[in-house]
Amino acid sequence: MYITPVDTTGASQATANQDRLNIIGEKPPKNWLRMGRMENYKSMITNVGREKQMDPAVFAAIISRQSRAGATLEDGWGDHGYAFGLMQVDRRYHSPVATEILISFIKEIKAKFPMWSQEQ
């Protein structure tokens, strides 16, 4: 299962500014796991994707957006000490098992909208 048919718009100005990048609107490269900080987590993301039977790009996208591959974390914590880990699970609402939370939400959506494609 892969999400490659999904068209993306690329980085927004606000997102690019967070890392002082000039990539507004550019689409992510096909070798996204080889880029910068994300490279540190490539094998972990790939293994979890395989274990959970989910495209690792989904996890990488969340990690990229939520913590910019760890760049925004202090001792693993972000969001003023409320969110933990690369996927920034908010301890006020969840125990820090991000992949399980994500998968349970995906299953709920699949049950609610059984006719939707995997990409949707």
N, C-alpha and C. Protein backbone atom coordinates (compact mmCIF):
# COMPACT_ATOMS: atom_id res chain seq x y z
N MET A 1 0.85 -1.17 0.00
CA MET A 1 0.00 0.00 0.00
C MET A 1 0.89 1.23 0.00
N TYR A 2 0.65 2.13 -0.95
CA TYR A 2 1.44 3.34 -1.05
C TYR A 2 0.54 4.52 -1.34
N ILE A 3 0.93 5.67 -0.86
CA ILE A 3 0.11 6.86 -1.05
C ILE A 3 0.61 7.71 -2.21
N THR A 4 1.46 7.17 -3.05
CA THR A 4 2.06 7.95 -4.13
C THR A 4 1.07 8.60 -5.09
N PRO A 5 -0.14 8.07 -5.32
CA PRO A 5 -1.05 8.76 -6.24
C PRO A 5 -1.56 10.10 -5.70
N VAL A 6 -1.33 10.39 -4.44
CA VAL A 6 -1.84 11.62 -3.85
C VAL A 6 -0.97 12.79 -4.29
N ASP A 7 -1.58 13.81 -4.88
CA ASP A 7 -0.86 14.99 -5.31
C ASP A 7 -0.73 15.94 -4.12
N THR A 8 0.47 16.46 -3.91
CA THR A 8 0.69 17.39 -2.81
C THR A 8 1.05 18.76 -3.35
N THR A 9 0.82 19.77 -2.55
CA THR A 9 1.10 21.14 -2.98
C THR A 9 2.48 21.60 -2.57
N GLY A 10 3.16 20.85 -1.72
CA GLY A 10 4.49 21.25 -1.28
C GLY A 10 4.44 22.10 -0.03
N ALA A 11 5.58 22.64 0.33
CA ALA A 11 5.70 23.40 1.57
C ALA A 11 5.08 24.78 1.45
N SER A 12 4.44 25.22 2.52
CA SER A 12 3.91 26.58 2.56
C SER A 12 5.02 27.53 2.99
N GLN A 13 4.78 28.80 2.83
CA GLN A 13 5.76 29.81 3.27
C GLN A 13 6.01 29.67 4.77
N ALA A 14 4.95 29.49 5.56
CA ALA A 14 5.11 29.37 7.02
C ALA A 14 5.96 28.16 7.40
N THR A 15 5.72 27.04 6.73
CA THR A 15 6.49 25.83 7.03
C THR A 15 7.95 26.02 6.64
N ALA A 16 8.20 26.54 5.47
CA ALA A 16 9.57 26.76 5.02
C ALA A 16 10.31 27.74 5.93
N ASN A 17 9.62 28.76 6.40
CA ASN A 17 10.25 29.75 7.27
C ASN A 17 10.74 29.14 8.58
N GLN A 18 10.08 28.10 9.07
CA GLN A 18 10.47 27.50 10.34
C GLN A 18 11.90 26.99 10.30
N ASP A 19 12.36 26.55 9.15
CA ASP A 19 13.73 26.06 9.01
C ASP A 19 14.58 26.96 8.14
N ARG A 20 14.09 28.18 7.91
CA ARG A 20 14.80 29.14 7.07
C ARG A 20 15.11 28.55 5.68
N LEU A 21 14.11 27.92 5.09
CA LEU A 21 14.26 27.30 3.79
C LEU A 21 13.53 28.10 2.72
N ASN A 22 13.97 27.97 1.50
CA ASN A 22 13.31 28.62 0.39
C ASN A 22 12.77 27.54 -0.55
N ILE A 23 11.79 26.78 -0.07
CA ILE A 23 11.24 25.68 -0.86
C ILE A 23 9.73 25.80 -1.01
N ILE A 24 9.22 27.00 -0.96
CA ILE A 24 7.79 27.22 -1.00
C ILE A 24 7.20 26.61 -2.26
N GLY A 25 6.20 25.75 -2.06
CA GLY A 25 5.49 25.14 -3.17
C GLY A 25 6.19 23.98 -3.83
N GLU A 26 7.44 23.72 -3.49
CA GLU A 26 8.13 22.59 -4.11
C GLU A 26 7.61 21.29 -3.54
N LYS A 27 7.49 20.32 -4.41
CA LYS A 27 7.04 19.00 -3.98
C LYS A 27 8.19 18.28 -3.30
N PRO A 28 7.88 17.41 -2.34
CA PRO A 28 8.96 16.67 -1.69
C PRO A 28 9.64 15.73 -2.69
N PRO A 29 10.95 15.59 -2.59
CA PRO A 29 11.65 14.70 -3.51
C PRO A 29 11.32 13.25 -3.24
N LYS A 30 11.53 12.39 -4.24
CA LYS A 30 11.24 10.97 -4.09
C LYS A 30 12.12 10.31 -3.04
N ASN A 31 13.28 10.85 -2.80
CA ASN A 31 14.18 10.27 -1.79
C ASN A 31 14.04 11.00 -0.45
N TRP A 32 12.81 11.30 -0.05
CA TRP A 32 12.53 12.07 1.15
C TRP A 32 13.18 11.51 2.40
N LEU A 33 13.37 10.20 2.49
CA LEU A 33 13.97 9.63 3.70
C LEU A 33 15.47 9.86 3.77
N ARG A 34 16.07 10.33 2.71
CA ARG A 34 17.52 10.56 2.71
C ARG A 34 17.85 12.01 3.03
N MET A 35 16.87 12.79 3.33
CA MET A 35 17.10 14.22 3.50
C MET A 35 17.31 14.60 4.96
N GLY A 36 18.39 15.29 5.22
CA GLY A 36 18.64 15.92 6.50
C GLY A 36 18.38 15.06 7.71
N ARG A 37 17.71 15.63 8.68
CA ARG A 37 17.44 14.97 9.96
C ARG A 37 16.62 13.70 9.80
N MET A 38 15.77 13.64 8.80
CA MET A 38 14.92 12.46 8.61
C MET A 38 15.76 11.21 8.38
N GLU A 39 16.95 11.38 7.83
CA GLU A 39 17.85 10.24 7.60
C GLU A 39 18.11 9.49 8.90
N ASN A 40 18.17 10.21 10.03
CA ASN A 40 18.41 9.57 11.33
C ASN A 40 17.33 8.57 11.70
N TYR A 41 16.15 8.72 11.13
CA TYR A 41 15.00 7.89 11.51
C TYR A 41 14.55 6.97 10.39
N LYS A 42 15.27 6.94 9.30
CA LYS A 42 14.86 6.17 8.12
C LYS A 42 14.57 4.71 8.45
N SER A 43 15.50 4.03 9.10
CA SER A 43 15.27 2.60 9.37
C SER A 43 14.13 2.39 10.33
N MET A 44 14.00 3.24 11.34
CA MET A 44 12.90 3.12 12.30
C MET A 44 11.55 3.30 11.59
N ILE A 45 11.45 4.34 10.76
CA ILE A 45 10.20 4.63 10.05
C ILE A 45 9.86 3.47 9.11
N THR A 46 10.85 2.99 8.39
CA THR A 46 10.64 1.88 7.46
C THR A 46 10.20 0.63 8.20
N ASN A 47 10.85 0.31 9.31
CA ASN A 47 10.49 -0.88 10.08
C ASN A 47 9.08 -0.78 10.67
N VAL A 48 8.73 0.37 11.21
CA VAL A 48 7.39 0.54 11.77
C VAL A 48 6.35 0.45 10.66
N GLY A 49 6.63 1.05 9.51
CA GLY A 49 5.71 0.95 8.38
C GLY A 49 5.47 -0.50 7.98
N ARG A 50 6.54 -1.26 7.92
CA ARG A 50 6.43 -2.68 7.57
C ARG A 50 5.63 -3.42 8.64
N GLU A 51 5.98 -3.19 9.90
CA GLU A 51 5.32 -3.88 11.02
C GLU A 51 3.82 -3.56 11.08
N LYS A 52 3.49 -2.29 10.83
CA LYS A 52 2.09 -1.86 10.94
C LYS A 52 1.35 -1.95 9.61
N GLN A 53 2.05 -2.42 8.56
CA GLN A 53 1.47 -2.54 7.23
C GLN A 53 0.90 -1.21 6.74
N MET A 54 1.73 -0.19 6.86
CA MET A 54 1.34 1.15 6.45
C MET A 54 2.52 1.80 5.73
N ASP A 55 2.22 2.58 4.72
CA ASP A 55 3.26 3.26 3.97
C ASP A 55 4.08 4.13 4.93
N PRO A 56 5.40 3.93 4.99
CA PRO A 56 6.24 4.73 5.89
C PRO A 56 6.17 6.22 5.58
N ALA A 57 5.77 6.58 4.37
CA ALA A 57 5.65 8.00 4.02
C ALA A 57 4.63 8.70 4.90
N VAL A 58 3.60 7.97 5.36
CA VAL A 58 2.60 8.57 6.24
C VAL A 58 3.25 8.98 7.56
N PHE A 59 4.04 8.07 8.13
CA PHE A 59 4.72 8.38 9.39
C PHE A 59 5.73 9.50 9.19
N ALA A 60 6.49 9.43 8.10
CA ALA A 60 7.50 10.46 7.83
C ALA A 60 6.85 11.83 7.65
N ALA A 61 5.72 11.88 7.00
CA ALA A 61 5.03 13.15 6.80
C ALA A 61 4.61 13.76 8.13
N ILE A 62 4.08 12.93 9.01
CA ILE A 62 3.65 13.42 10.33
C ILE A 62 4.86 13.88 11.13
N ILE A 63 5.92 13.08 11.11
CA ILE A 63 7.15 13.44 11.83
C ILE A 63 7.72 14.74 11.30
N SER A 64 7.72 14.89 9.99
CA SER A 64 8.24 16.10 9.37
C SER A 64 7.44 17.32 9.81
N ARG A 65 6.13 17.20 9.78
CA ARG A 65 5.27 18.34 10.10
C ARG A 65 5.23 18.63 11.60
N GLN A 66 5.13 17.61 12.41
CA GLN A 66 4.93 17.81 13.85
C GLN A 66 6.19 18.24 14.59
N SER A 67 7.33 17.68 14.24
CA SER A 67 8.55 18.04 14.98
C SER A 67 9.71 18.40 14.06
N ARG A 68 9.43 18.48 12.76
CA ARG A 68 10.48 18.71 11.77
C ARG A 68 11.65 17.77 12.03
N ALA A 69 11.30 16.48 12.16
CA ALA A 69 12.27 15.40 12.39
C ALA A 69 13.11 15.66 13.63
N GLY A 70 12.46 16.17 14.67
CA GLY A 70 13.12 16.35 15.96
C GLY A 70 13.72 17.72 16.18
N ALA A 71 13.72 18.58 15.18
CA ALA A 71 14.37 19.90 15.29
C ALA A 71 13.72 20.78 16.35
N THR A 72 12.45 20.59 16.62
CA THR A 72 11.75 21.47 17.55
C THR A 72 11.68 20.90 18.97
N LEU A 73 12.28 19.74 19.19
CA LEU A 73 12.14 19.06 20.48
C LEU A 73 13.24 19.43 21.47
N GLU A 74 12.87 19.44 22.73
CA GLU A 74 13.82 19.57 23.83
C GLU A 74 13.65 18.35 24.71
N ASP A 75 14.65 17.48 24.72
CA ASP A 75 14.60 16.21 25.45
C ASP A 75 13.38 15.38 25.06
N GLY A 76 13.00 15.44 23.79
CA GLY A 76 11.88 14.66 23.28
C GLY A 76 10.53 15.36 23.39
N TRP A 77 10.48 16.49 24.06
CA TRP A 77 9.22 17.19 24.29
C TRP A 77 9.11 18.45 23.44
N GLY A 78 7.88 18.76 23.02
CA GLY A 78 7.57 19.98 22.28
C GLY A 78 6.26 20.54 22.77
N ASP A 79 5.74 21.53 22.07
CA ASP A 79 4.45 22.15 22.42
C ASP A 79 4.40 22.53 23.89
N HIS A 80 5.41 23.24 24.34
CA HIS A 80 5.48 23.74 25.72
C HIS A 80 5.46 22.61 26.76
N GLY A 81 6.05 21.47 26.39
CA GLY A 81 6.13 20.34 27.31
C GLY A 81 4.91 19.44 27.34
N TYR A 82 3.98 19.64 26.44
CA TYR A 82 2.76 18.82 26.43
C TYR A 82 2.82 17.66 25.44
N ALA A 83 3.60 17.80 24.38
CA ALA A 83 3.61 16.78 23.34
C ALA A 83 4.96 16.08 23.32
N PHE A 84 4.92 14.75 23.15
CA PHE A 84 6.14 13.96 23.21
C PHE A 84 6.45 13.27 21.90
N GLY A 85 7.72 13.18 21.59
CA GLY A 85 8.20 12.38 20.47
C GLY A 85 8.14 13.05 19.13
N LEU A 86 8.65 12.34 18.15
CA LEU A 86 8.72 12.86 16.80
C LEU A 86 7.35 13.18 16.22
N MET A 87 6.34 12.39 16.61
CA MET A 87 5.00 12.61 16.10
C MET A 87 4.18 13.53 17.01
N GLN A 88 4.79 13.99 18.10
CA GLN A 88 4.19 14.95 19.02
C GLN A 88 2.81 14.52 19.55
N VAL A 89 2.79 13.44 20.29
CA VAL A 89 1.57 12.96 20.92
C VAL A 89 1.33 13.79 22.18
N ASP A 90 0.18 14.38 22.27
CA ASP A 90 -0.15 15.27 23.39
C ASP A 90 -0.53 14.44 24.61
N ARG A 91 0.26 14.56 25.66
CA ARG A 91 0.05 13.75 26.87
C ARG A 91 -1.22 14.10 27.61
N ARG A 92 -1.81 15.24 27.31
CA ARG A 92 -3.07 15.61 27.95
C ARG A 92 -4.23 14.75 27.44
N TYR A 93 -4.04 14.15 26.25
CA TYR A 93 -5.14 13.43 25.63
C TYR A 93 -4.84 11.97 25.31
N HIS A 94 -3.55 11.62 25.21
CA HIS A 94 -3.17 10.27 24.78
C HIS A 94 -1.94 9.80 25.54
N SER A 95 -1.79 8.47 25.60
CA SER A 95 -0.51 7.94 26.05
C SER A 95 0.40 7.95 24.82
N PRO A 96 1.70 8.11 25.01
CA PRO A 96 2.58 8.31 23.86
C PRO A 96 2.85 7.06 23.01
N VAL A 97 1.85 6.63 22.26
CA VAL A 97 2.01 5.53 21.30
C VAL A 97 1.40 6.01 19.98
N ALA A 98 2.13 6.89 19.31
CA ALA A 98 1.61 7.61 18.16
C ALA A 98 1.13 6.71 17.04
N THR A 99 1.88 5.68 16.71
CA THR A 99 1.46 4.85 15.59
C THR A 99 0.15 4.14 15.89
N GLU A 100 -0.04 3.71 17.11
CA GLU A 100 -1.30 3.04 17.48
C GLU A 100 -2.47 4.02 17.42
N ILE A 101 -2.25 5.26 17.84
CA ILE A 101 -3.31 6.27 17.77
C ILE A 101 -3.68 6.52 16.31
N LEU A 102 -2.68 6.71 15.49
CA LEU A 102 -2.90 6.96 14.06
C LEU A 102 -3.66 5.81 13.42
N ILE A 103 -3.21 4.60 13.65
CA ILE A 103 -3.85 3.44 13.04
C ILE A 103 -5.29 3.27 13.52
N SER A 104 -5.55 3.53 14.79
CA SER A 104 -6.93 3.42 15.28
C SER A 104 -7.83 4.45 14.62
N PHE A 105 -7.32 5.67 14.40
CA PHE A 105 -8.11 6.69 13.71
C PHE A 105 -8.35 6.31 12.25
N ILE A 106 -7.34 5.75 11.60
CA ILE A 106 -7.50 5.32 10.21
C ILE A 106 -8.56 4.22 10.13
N LYS A 107 -8.54 3.28 11.06
CA LYS A 107 -9.54 2.21 11.07
C LYS A 107 -10.95 2.77 11.27
N GLU A 108 -11.07 3.78 12.14
CA GLU A 108 -12.38 4.41 12.36
C GLU A 108 -12.89 5.05 11.07
N ILE A 109 -12.00 5.74 10.37
CA ILE A 109 -12.39 6.39 9.12
C ILE A 109 -12.76 5.35 8.07
N LYS A 110 -11.99 4.26 7.99
CA LYS A 110 -12.31 3.19 7.04
C LYS A 110 -13.69 2.61 7.32
N ALA A 111 -14.02 2.43 8.59
CA ALA A 111 -15.33 1.89 8.95
C ALA A 111 -16.45 2.87 8.61
N LYS A 112 -16.19 4.14 8.80
CA LYS A 112 -17.20 5.16 8.55
C LYS A 112 -17.39 5.40 7.05
N PHE A 113 -16.31 5.28 6.28
CA PHE A 113 -16.35 5.53 4.84
C PHE A 113 -15.76 4.34 4.08
N PRO A 114 -16.44 3.20 4.07
CA PRO A 114 -15.87 1.99 3.47
C PRO A 114 -15.62 2.10 1.96
N MET A 115 -16.26 3.02 1.28
CA MET A 115 -16.06 3.14 -0.15
C MET A 115 -14.86 4.01 -0.51
N TRP A 116 -14.25 4.66 0.45
CA TRP A 116 -13.09 5.51 0.16
C TRP A 116 -11.89 4.66 -0.24
N SER A 117 -11.06 5.21 -1.11
CA SER A 117 -9.83 4.53 -1.49
C SER A 117 -8.81 4.63 -0.35
N GLN A 118 -7.76 3.85 -0.45
CA GLN A 118 -6.70 3.90 0.57
C GLN A 118 -6.10 5.30 0.66
N GLU A 119 -5.93 5.96 -0.47
CA GLU A 119 -5.34 7.29 -0.47
C GLU A 119 -6.23 8.29 0.23
N GLN A 120 -7.54 8.18 0.02
CA GLN A 120 -8.45 9.10 0.69
C GLN A 120 -8.38 8.94 2.18
